[in-house]
Amino acid sequence: MAVILEGYIRVPYEELETIKNKLNEHIEHTLNEDGCLEFDVTQDDSDECIFHVFEKFLDNDAFNLHQARTKISDWGAVSKNVERFYSKRCEE
């Protein structure tokens, strides 16, 4: 059963450039993970500090491995002050 995480992150303005500089690397690493079906992060058109997030993983194991990798990655370090607003669901 696929796992979908959807929502947005709010980046502190003073960290915006750092986040933007590391984001493509984070996306690339995630898309190369086993079990990653889709991973999309887009900056909001009206609020530059908001990024919309859509993640889809093959199953809960793949999702959990992604979460564990992210926590110990460069992205995990630079995004520690980012506010996250997500909902998680499963899909057949």
N, C-alpha and C. Protein backbone atom coordinates (compact mmCIF):
# COMPACT_ATOMS: atom_id res chain seq x y z
N MET A 1 0.85 -1.19 0.00
CA MET A 1 0.00 0.00 0.00
C MET A 1 0.89 1.24 0.00
N ALA A 2 0.69 2.12 -0.97
CA ALA A 2 1.50 3.33 -1.10
C ALA A 2 1.25 4.30 0.05
N VAL A 3 2.28 5.01 0.43
CA VAL A 3 2.19 6.04 1.47
C VAL A 3 2.39 7.40 0.81
N ILE A 4 1.46 8.31 1.10
CA ILE A 4 1.52 9.66 0.54
C ILE A 4 1.62 10.66 1.68
N LEU A 5 2.55 11.57 1.54
CA LEU A 5 2.70 12.69 2.48
C LEU A 5 2.49 13.95 1.66
N GLU A 6 1.59 14.80 2.11
CA GLU A 6 1.26 16.00 1.36
C GLU A 6 1.08 17.17 2.31
N GLY A 7 1.54 18.34 1.89
CA GLY A 7 1.38 19.54 2.71
C GLY A 7 2.36 20.60 2.28
N TYR A 8 2.92 21.29 3.28
CA TYR A 8 3.87 22.37 2.96
C TYR A 8 4.83 22.57 4.11
N ILE A 9 5.93 23.25 3.78
CA ILE A 9 6.88 23.68 4.81
C ILE A 9 6.95 25.20 4.77
N ARG A 10 7.22 25.77 5.94
CA ARG A 10 7.42 27.22 6.05
C ARG A 10 8.87 27.43 6.51
N VAL A 11 9.62 28.14 5.69
CA VAL A 11 11.04 28.36 5.91
C VAL A 11 11.24 29.73 6.54
N PRO A 12 12.03 29.83 7.61
CA PRO A 12 12.36 31.15 8.14
C PRO A 12 13.07 31.98 7.06
N TYR A 13 12.66 33.22 6.90
CA TYR A 13 13.18 34.06 5.82
C TYR A 13 14.71 34.10 5.81
N GLU A 14 15.30 34.19 6.99
CA GLU A 14 16.76 34.30 7.07
C GLU A 14 17.47 33.02 6.64
N GLU A 15 16.75 31.91 6.49
CA GLU A 15 17.34 30.64 6.05
C GLU A 15 16.91 30.26 4.63
N LEU A 16 16.17 31.13 3.98
CA LEU A 16 15.57 30.82 2.68
C LEU A 16 16.63 30.46 1.62
N GLU A 17 17.68 31.23 1.50
CA GLU A 17 18.69 30.96 0.48
C GLU A 17 19.40 29.63 0.73
N THR A 18 19.70 29.33 1.97
CA THR A 18 20.34 28.06 2.30
C THR A 18 19.44 26.89 1.91
N ILE A 19 18.17 26.99 2.24
CA ILE A 19 17.21 25.94 1.91
C ILE A 19 17.11 25.78 0.40
N LYS A 20 16.98 26.87 -0.31
CA LYS A 20 16.87 26.80 -1.77
C LYS A 20 18.12 26.19 -2.39
N ASN A 21 19.28 26.48 -1.83
CA ASN A 21 20.53 25.93 -2.35
C ASN A 21 20.66 24.44 -2.13
N LYS A 22 20.07 23.91 -1.09
CA LYS A 22 20.17 22.48 -0.76
C LYS A 22 18.99 21.66 -1.27
N LEU A 23 17.92 22.32 -1.69
CA LEU A 23 16.69 21.62 -2.03
C LEU A 23 16.85 20.66 -3.22
N ASN A 24 17.49 21.09 -4.29
CA ASN A 24 17.63 20.20 -5.45
C ASN A 24 18.40 18.94 -5.12
N GLU A 25 19.43 19.07 -4.29
CA GLU A 25 20.19 17.90 -3.86
C GLU A 25 19.30 16.95 -3.07
N HIS A 26 18.49 17.50 -2.18
CA HIS A 26 17.57 16.69 -1.38
C HIS A 26 16.56 15.96 -2.28
N ILE A 27 16.02 16.67 -3.25
CA ILE A 27 15.06 16.06 -4.18
C ILE A 27 15.73 14.93 -4.96
N GLU A 28 16.93 15.18 -5.47
CA GLU A 28 17.65 14.17 -6.25
C GLU A 28 17.92 12.92 -5.43
N HIS A 29 18.40 13.10 -4.20
CA HIS A 29 18.67 11.95 -3.33
C HIS A 29 17.39 11.17 -3.07
N THR A 30 16.31 11.88 -2.82
CA THR A 30 15.03 11.21 -2.52
C THR A 30 14.52 10.43 -3.72
N LEU A 31 14.56 11.03 -4.89
CA LEU A 31 14.08 10.35 -6.10
C LEU A 31 14.89 9.09 -6.41
N ASN A 32 16.13 9.03 -5.93
CA ASN A 32 16.98 7.86 -6.15
C ASN A 32 16.81 6.78 -5.08
N GLU A 33 16.01 7.04 -4.07
CA GLU A 33 15.77 6.04 -3.04
C GLU A 33 14.89 4.90 -3.57
N ASP A 34 15.19 3.68 -3.13
CA ASP A 34 14.33 2.55 -3.46
C ASP A 34 12.95 2.81 -2.86
N GLY A 35 11.93 2.64 -3.66
CA GLY A 35 10.57 2.79 -3.17
C GLY A 35 9.99 4.18 -3.30
N CYS A 36 10.78 5.15 -3.77
CA CYS A 36 10.24 6.50 -3.99
C CYS A 36 9.53 6.49 -5.34
N LEU A 37 8.23 6.76 -5.34
CA LEU A 37 7.44 6.79 -6.56
C LEU A 37 7.29 8.21 -7.11
N GLU A 38 7.24 9.17 -6.20
CA GLU A 38 7.08 10.57 -6.62
C GLU A 38 7.54 11.46 -5.47
N PHE A 39 8.19 12.56 -5.81
CA PHE A 39 8.65 13.51 -4.81
C PHE A 39 8.72 14.87 -5.47
N ASP A 40 7.89 15.78 -5.04
CA ASP A 40 7.79 17.09 -5.67
C ASP A 40 7.74 18.17 -4.59
N VAL A 41 8.60 19.17 -4.74
CA VAL A 41 8.63 20.32 -3.83
C VAL A 41 8.65 21.57 -4.70
N THR A 42 7.66 22.43 -4.52
CA THR A 42 7.58 23.65 -5.33
C THR A 42 7.36 24.87 -4.43
N GLN A 43 8.05 25.93 -4.76
CA GLN A 43 7.92 27.18 -4.01
C GLN A 43 6.59 27.84 -4.35
N ASP A 44 5.93 28.38 -3.34
CA ASP A 44 4.65 29.04 -3.51
C ASP A 44 4.82 30.30 -4.37
N ASP A 45 3.81 30.59 -5.17
CA ASP A 45 3.85 31.76 -6.05
C ASP A 45 3.72 33.09 -5.30
N SER A 46 3.03 33.07 -4.17
CA SER A 46 2.78 34.34 -3.49
C SER A 46 3.56 34.51 -2.18
N ASP A 47 4.09 33.43 -1.62
CA ASP A 47 4.86 33.51 -0.37
C ASP A 47 6.14 32.71 -0.57
N GLU A 48 7.26 33.39 -0.75
CA GLU A 48 8.53 32.72 -1.05
C GLU A 48 9.03 31.81 0.06
N CYS A 49 8.48 31.94 1.24
CA CYS A 49 8.91 31.11 2.37
C CYS A 49 8.10 29.82 2.50
N ILE A 50 7.13 29.62 1.63
CA ILE A 50 6.29 28.42 1.64
C ILE A 50 6.69 27.52 0.47
N PHE A 51 6.86 26.24 0.75
CA PHE A 51 7.14 25.25 -0.29
C PHE A 51 6.12 24.13 -0.15
N HIS A 52 5.44 23.82 -1.25
CA HIS A 52 4.45 22.75 -1.26
C HIS A 52 5.16 21.41 -1.50
N VAL A 53 4.74 20.40 -0.75
CA VAL A 53 5.42 19.11 -0.76
C VAL A 53 4.42 18.00 -1.10
N PHE A 54 4.83 17.11 -2.01
CA PHE A 54 4.07 15.90 -2.31
C PHE A 54 5.06 14.75 -2.40
N GLU A 55 4.86 13.73 -1.57
CA GLU A 55 5.73 12.57 -1.55
C GLU A 55 4.87 11.32 -1.69
N LYS A 56 5.35 10.38 -2.48
CA LYS A 56 4.65 9.09 -2.62
C LYS A 56 5.69 7.98 -2.62
N PHE A 57 5.52 7.05 -1.69
CA PHE A 57 6.43 5.93 -1.54
C PHE A 57 5.68 4.62 -1.71
N LEU A 58 6.39 3.59 -2.15
CA LEU A 58 5.83 2.28 -2.45
C LEU A 58 5.07 1.70 -1.27
N ASP A 59 5.64 1.85 -0.08
CA ASP A 59 5.01 1.30 1.12
C ASP A 59 5.58 2.00 2.36
N ASN A 60 5.10 1.59 3.52
CA ASN A 60 5.51 2.22 4.78
C ASN A 60 7.00 2.01 5.05
N ASP A 61 7.54 0.85 4.68
CA ASP A 61 8.98 0.61 4.88
C ASP A 61 9.81 1.61 4.09
N ALA A 62 9.45 1.84 2.82
CA ALA A 62 10.19 2.80 1.99
C ALA A 62 10.06 4.21 2.56
N PHE A 63 8.86 4.55 3.03
CA PHE A 63 8.65 5.87 3.63
C PHE A 63 9.52 6.03 4.89
N ASN A 64 9.54 5.02 5.74
CA ASN A 64 10.32 5.09 6.97
C ASN A 64 11.82 5.18 6.69
N LEU A 65 12.30 4.46 5.67
CA LEU A 65 13.72 4.56 5.30
C LEU A 65 14.04 5.97 4.82
N HIS A 66 13.12 6.57 4.06
CA HIS A 66 13.32 7.95 3.62
C HIS A 66 13.41 8.90 4.82
N GLN A 67 12.51 8.74 5.76
CA GLN A 67 12.52 9.60 6.95
C GLN A 67 13.84 9.45 7.72
N ALA A 68 14.31 8.22 7.86
CA ALA A 68 15.56 7.98 8.59
C ALA A 68 16.75 8.59 7.85
N ARG A 69 16.81 8.43 6.52
CA ARG A 69 17.90 8.99 5.74
C ARG A 69 17.90 10.51 5.81
N THR A 70 16.70 11.08 5.72
CA THR A 70 16.58 12.53 5.74
C THR A 70 17.10 13.12 7.04
N LYS A 71 16.80 12.47 8.15
CA LYS A 71 17.21 12.99 9.46
C LYS A 71 18.72 13.11 9.61
N ILE A 72 19.47 12.21 8.97
CA ILE A 72 20.92 12.23 9.12
C ILE A 72 21.64 12.88 7.93
N SER A 73 20.87 13.44 7.01
CA SER A 73 21.45 14.05 5.80
C SER A 73 21.77 15.53 6.02
N ASP A 74 22.46 16.10 5.03
CA ASP A 74 22.70 17.56 5.04
C ASP A 74 21.37 18.30 5.08
N TRP A 75 20.38 17.80 4.33
CA TRP A 75 19.05 18.43 4.33
C TRP A 75 18.48 18.46 5.74
N GLY A 76 18.60 17.37 6.46
CA GLY A 76 18.09 17.32 7.82
C GLY A 76 18.71 18.39 8.70
N ALA A 77 20.00 18.62 8.50
CA ALA A 77 20.70 19.64 9.29
C ALA A 77 20.27 21.05 8.91
N VAL A 78 20.22 21.35 7.61
CA VAL A 78 19.90 22.73 7.21
C VAL A 78 18.43 23.06 7.37
N SER A 79 17.57 22.04 7.42
CA SER A 79 16.13 22.30 7.51
C SER A 79 15.58 22.12 8.92
N LYS A 80 16.45 22.10 9.91
CA LYS A 80 15.99 21.83 11.28
C LYS A 80 15.02 22.88 11.82
N ASN A 81 15.08 24.11 11.30
CA ASN A 81 14.20 25.17 11.78
C ASN A 81 12.96 25.37 10.92
N VAL A 82 12.81 24.54 9.92
CA VAL A 82 11.66 24.63 9.01
C VAL A 82 10.42 24.09 9.74
N GLU A 83 9.30 24.81 9.60
CA GLU A 83 8.03 24.31 10.14
C GLU A 83 7.38 23.42 9.09
N ARG A 84 6.89 22.26 9.52
CA ARG A 84 6.30 21.29 8.61
C ARG A 84 4.82 21.10 8.90
N PHE A 85 4.03 21.14 7.84
CA PHE A 85 2.58 20.97 7.95
C PHE A 85 2.16 19.91 6.93
N TYR A 86 2.04 18.66 7.38
CA TYR A 86 1.80 17.55 6.48
C TYR A 86 0.59 16.74 6.92
N SER A 87 0.02 16.04 5.95
CA SER A 87 -0.91 14.96 6.26
C SER A 87 -0.39 13.71 5.55
N LYS A 88 -0.56 12.58 6.19
CA LYS A 88 -0.08 11.32 5.67
C LYS A 88 -1.27 10.40 5.47
N ARG A 89 -1.27 9.71 4.32
CA ARG A 89 -2.36 8.76 4.05
C ARG A 89 -1.81 7.57 3.27
N CYS A 90 -2.57 6.51 3.26
CA CYS A 90 -2.23 5.33 2.49
C CYS A 90 -3.19 5.21 1.32
N GLU A 91 -2.69 4.63 0.22
CA GLU A 91 -3.47 4.53 -1.00
C GLU A 91 -3.23 3.15 -1.61
N GLU A 92 -4.29 2.53 -2.07
CA GLU A 92 -4.19 1.22 -2.73
C GLU A 92 -3.40 1.31 -4.01
